[in-house]
Amino acid sequence: MCIRDSNSTLTQGNLSTATNSRSSTDTNLVSPSPRSSQASINSSQASINSSQASINSSQASINSSQASINSSQASINSSQASINSSQASINSSQASINSSQA
């Protein structure tokens, strides 16, 4: 018994389809083209690069802010040392006044 499939290939006996025929579900198994995959990889890499640049910029901003904080803290410490020195001078002068009044 001969059966003709959708590709007009003769098959014989218990064979139901020719070897070059394809079912409708085969299309789900076809891999994307290498060009399409590479474009997707390139797009993802560009997104990663952009995100990394943003992270680097934010880190630079943090570092700058930290440097500013450190400078401000140094200024505060210097001012506090000046206050302490002035307070010691006041205390010394007050002790001298007290001694003179005694």
C-alpha atoms as a PDB file:
ATOM      1  CA  MET A   1       0.000   0.000   0.000  1.00  0.00           C
ATOM      2  CA  CYS A   2       1.346   3.455  -0.952  1.00  0.00           C
ATOM      3  CA  ILE A   3       0.556   6.683   0.905  1.00  0.00           C
ATOM      4  CA  ARG A   4       1.374  10.145  -0.387  1.00  0.00           C
ATOM      5  CA  ASP A   5       2.196  12.688   2.346  1.00  0.00           C
ATOM      6  CA  SER A   6       1.902  16.466   2.338  1.00  0.00           C
ATOM      7  CA  ASN A   7       5.256  16.810   0.581  1.00  0.00           C
ATOM      8  CA  SER A   8       4.144  14.501  -2.222  1.00  0.00           C
ATOM      9  CA  THR A   9       6.721  11.904  -1.254  1.00  0.00           C
ATOM     10  CA  LEU A  10       5.648   8.296  -1.688  1.00  0.00           C
ATOM     11  CA  THR A  11       5.797   6.184   1.439  1.00  0.00           C
ATOM     12  CA  GLN A  12       5.094   2.499   1.697  1.00  0.00           C
ATOM     13  CA  GLY A  13       3.901  -0.059   4.209  1.00  0.00           C
ATOM     14  CA  ASN A  14       3.388   1.143   7.808  1.00  0.00           C
ATOM     15  CA  LEU A  15       5.317   4.385   7.297  1.00  0.00           C
ATOM     16  CA  SER A  16       3.005   7.294   7.947  1.00  0.00           C
ATOM     17  CA  THR A  17       5.121  10.260   6.844  1.00  0.00           C
ATOM     18  CA  ALA A  18       8.234  10.943   4.831  1.00  0.00           C
ATOM     19  CA  THR A  19      11.414  11.803   6.700  1.00  0.00           C
ATOM     20  CA  ASN A  20      11.393  15.360   5.409  1.00  0.00           C
ATOM     21  CA  SER A  21       7.898  16.206   6.612  1.00  0.00           C
ATOM     22  CA  ARG A  22       7.407  18.362   9.696  1.00  0.00           C
ATOM     23  CA  SER A  23       4.540  18.537  12.186  1.00  0.00           C
ATOM     24  CA  SER A  24       3.035  21.847  13.249  1.00  0.00           C
ATOM     25  CA  THR A  25       4.635  21.588  16.707  1.00  0.00           C
ATOM     26  CA  ASP A  26       8.164  21.437  15.264  1.00  0.00           C
ATOM     27  CA  THR A  27       8.268  25.226  14.961  1.00  0.00           C
ATOM     28  CA  ASN A  28       8.422  25.507  18.758  1.00  0.00           C
ATOM     29  CA  LEU A  29      11.671  23.579  18.764  1.00  0.00           C
ATOM     30  CA  VAL A  30      13.483  25.784  16.282  1.00  0.00           C
ATOM     31  CA  SER A  31      16.298  27.756  17.956  1.00  0.00           C
ATOM     32  CA  PRO A  32      16.475  31.522  17.393  1.00  0.00           C
ATOM     33  CA  SER A  33      18.917  32.562  14.729  1.00  0.00           C
ATOM     34  CA  PRO A  34      22.481  33.254  15.913  1.00  0.00           C
ATOM     35  CA  ARG A  35      22.138  36.854  14.709  1.00  0.00           C
ATOM     36  CA  SER A  36      19.020  37.393  16.848  1.00  0.00           C
ATOM     37  CA  SER A  37      20.705  35.805  19.875  1.00  0.00           C
ATOM     38  CA  GLN A  38      23.800  37.982  19.431  1.00  0.00           C
ATOM     39  CA  ALA A  39      21.656  41.101  19.183  1.00  0.00           C
ATOM     40  CA  SER A  40      19.955  40.140  22.448  1.00  0.00           C
ATOM     41  CA  ILE A  41      23.332  39.516  24.093  1.00  0.00           C
ATOM     42  CA  ASN A  42      24.628  42.881  22.838  1.00  0.00           C
ATOM     43  CA  SER A  43      21.539  44.656  24.162  1.00  0.00           C
ATOM     44  CA  SER A  44      21.899  42.987  27.556  1.00  0.00           C
ATOM     45  CA  GLN A  45      25.599  43.848  27.672  1.00  0.00           C
ATOM     46  CA  ALA A  46      24.842  47.476  26.823  1.00  0.00           C
ATOM     47  CA  SER A  47      22.311  47.556  29.659  1.00  0.00           C
ATOM     48  CA  ILE A  48      24.872  46.074  32.052  1.00  0.00           C
ATOM     49  CA  ASN A  49      27.471  48.628  30.944  1.00  0.00           C
ATOM     50  CA  SER A  50      25.005  51.482  31.450  1.00  0.00           C
ATOM     51  CA  SER A  51      24.099  50.221  34.921  1.00  0.00           C
ATOM     52  CA  GLN A  52      27.776  49.841  35.816  1.00  0.00           C
ATOM     53  CA  ALA A  53      28.465  53.404  34.668  1.00  0.00           C
ATOM     54  CA  SER A  54      25.606  54.604  36.879  1.00  0.00           C
ATOM     55  CA  ILE A  55      27.007  52.658  39.831  1.00  0.00           C
ATOM     56  CA  ASN A  56      30.468  54.118  39.226  1.00  0.00           C
ATOM     57  CA  SER A  57      29.031  57.642  39.060  1.00  0.00           C
ATOM     58  CA  SER A  58      27.105  57.111  42.294  1.00  0.00           C
ATOM     59  CA  GLN A  59      30.209  55.722  43.989  1.00  0.00           C
ATOM     60  CA  ALA A  60      32.209  58.750  42.861  1.00  0.00           C
ATOM     61  CA  SER A  61      29.517  61.004  44.327  1.00  0.00           C
ATOM     62  CA  ILE A  62      29.605  59.061  47.602  1.00  0.00           C
ATOM     63  CA  ASN A  63      33.399  59.335  47.713  1.00  0.00           C
ATOM     64  CA  SER A  64      33.213  63.083  47.079  1.00  0.00           C
ATOM     65  CA  SER A  65      30.599  63.502  49.796  1.00  0.00           C
ATOM     66  CA  GLN A  66      32.695  61.444  52.207  1.00  0.00           C
ATOM     67  CA  ALA A  67      35.726  63.622  51.458  1.00  0.00           C
ATOM     68  CA  SER A  68      33.609  66.706  52.148  1.00  0.00           C
ATOM     69  CA  ILE A  69      32.379  65.186  55.416  1.00  0.00           C
ATOM     70  CA  ASN A  70      35.968  64.362  56.416  1.00  0.00           C
ATOM     71  CA  SER A  71      37.059  67.919  55.627  1.00  0.00           C
ATOM     72  CA  SER A  72      34.135  69.334  57.601  1.00  0.00           C
ATOM     73  CA  GLN A  73      34.925  67.044  60.524  1.00  0.00           C
ATOM     74  CA  ALA A  74      38.549  68.204  60.464  1.00  0.00           C
ATOM     75  CA  SER A  75      37.333  71.812  60.517  1.00  0.00           C
ATOM     76  CA  ILE A  76      35.002  71.017  63.418  1.00  0.00           C
ATOM     77  CA  ASN A  77      37.839  69.350  65.311  1.00  0.00           C
ATOM     78  CA  SER A  78      40.080  72.370  64.717  1.00  0.00           C
ATOM     79  CA  SER A  79      37.360  74.735  65.900  1.00  0.00           C
ATOM     80  CA  GLN A  80      36.761  72.593  68.981  1.00  0.00           C
ATOM     81  CA  ALA A  81      40.485  72.683  69.772  1.00  0.00           C
ATOM     82  CA  SER A  82      40.411  76.475  69.441  1.00  0.00           C
ATOM     83  CA  ILE A  83      37.389  76.653  71.772  1.00  0.00           C
ATOM     84  CA  ASN A  84      39.133  74.409  74.290  1.00  0.00           C
ATOM     85  CA  SER A  85      42.256  76.596  74.150  1.00  0.00           C
ATOM     86  CA  SER A  86      40.186  79.756  74.628  1.00  0.00           C
ATOM     87  CA  GLN A  87      38.319  78.147  77.511  1.00  0.00           C
ATOM     88  CA  ALA A  88      41.628  77.233  79.158  1.00  0.00           C
ATOM     89  CA  SER A  89      42.789  80.843  78.744  1.00  0.00           C
ATOM     90  CA  ILE A  90      39.532  82.100  80.304  1.00  0.00           C
ATOM     91  CA  ASN A  91      39.925  79.674  83.197  1.00  0.00           C
ATOM     92  CA  SER A  92      43.505  80.812  83.735  1.00  0.00           C
ATOM     93  CA  SER A  93      42.494  84.473  83.674  1.00  0.00           C
ATOM     94  CA  GLN A  94      39.633  83.781  86.081  1.00  0.00           C
ATOM     95  CA  ALA A  95      42.020  82.017  88.448  1.00  0.00           C
ATOM     96  CA  SER A  96      44.356  85.006  88.271  1.00  0.00           C
ATOM     97  CA  ILE A  97      41.459  87.361  89.065  1.00  0.00           C
ATOM     98  CA  ASN A  98      40.367  85.191  91.966  1.00  0.00           C
ATOM     99  CA  SER A  99      43.929  85.121  93.314  1.00  0.00           C
ATOM    100  CA  SER A 100      44.215  88.906  93.048  1.00  0.00           C
ATOM    101  CA  GLN A 101      40.920  89.395  94.908  1.00  0.00           C
ATOM    102  CA  ALA A 102      41.982  87.085  97.691  1.00  0.00           C
END
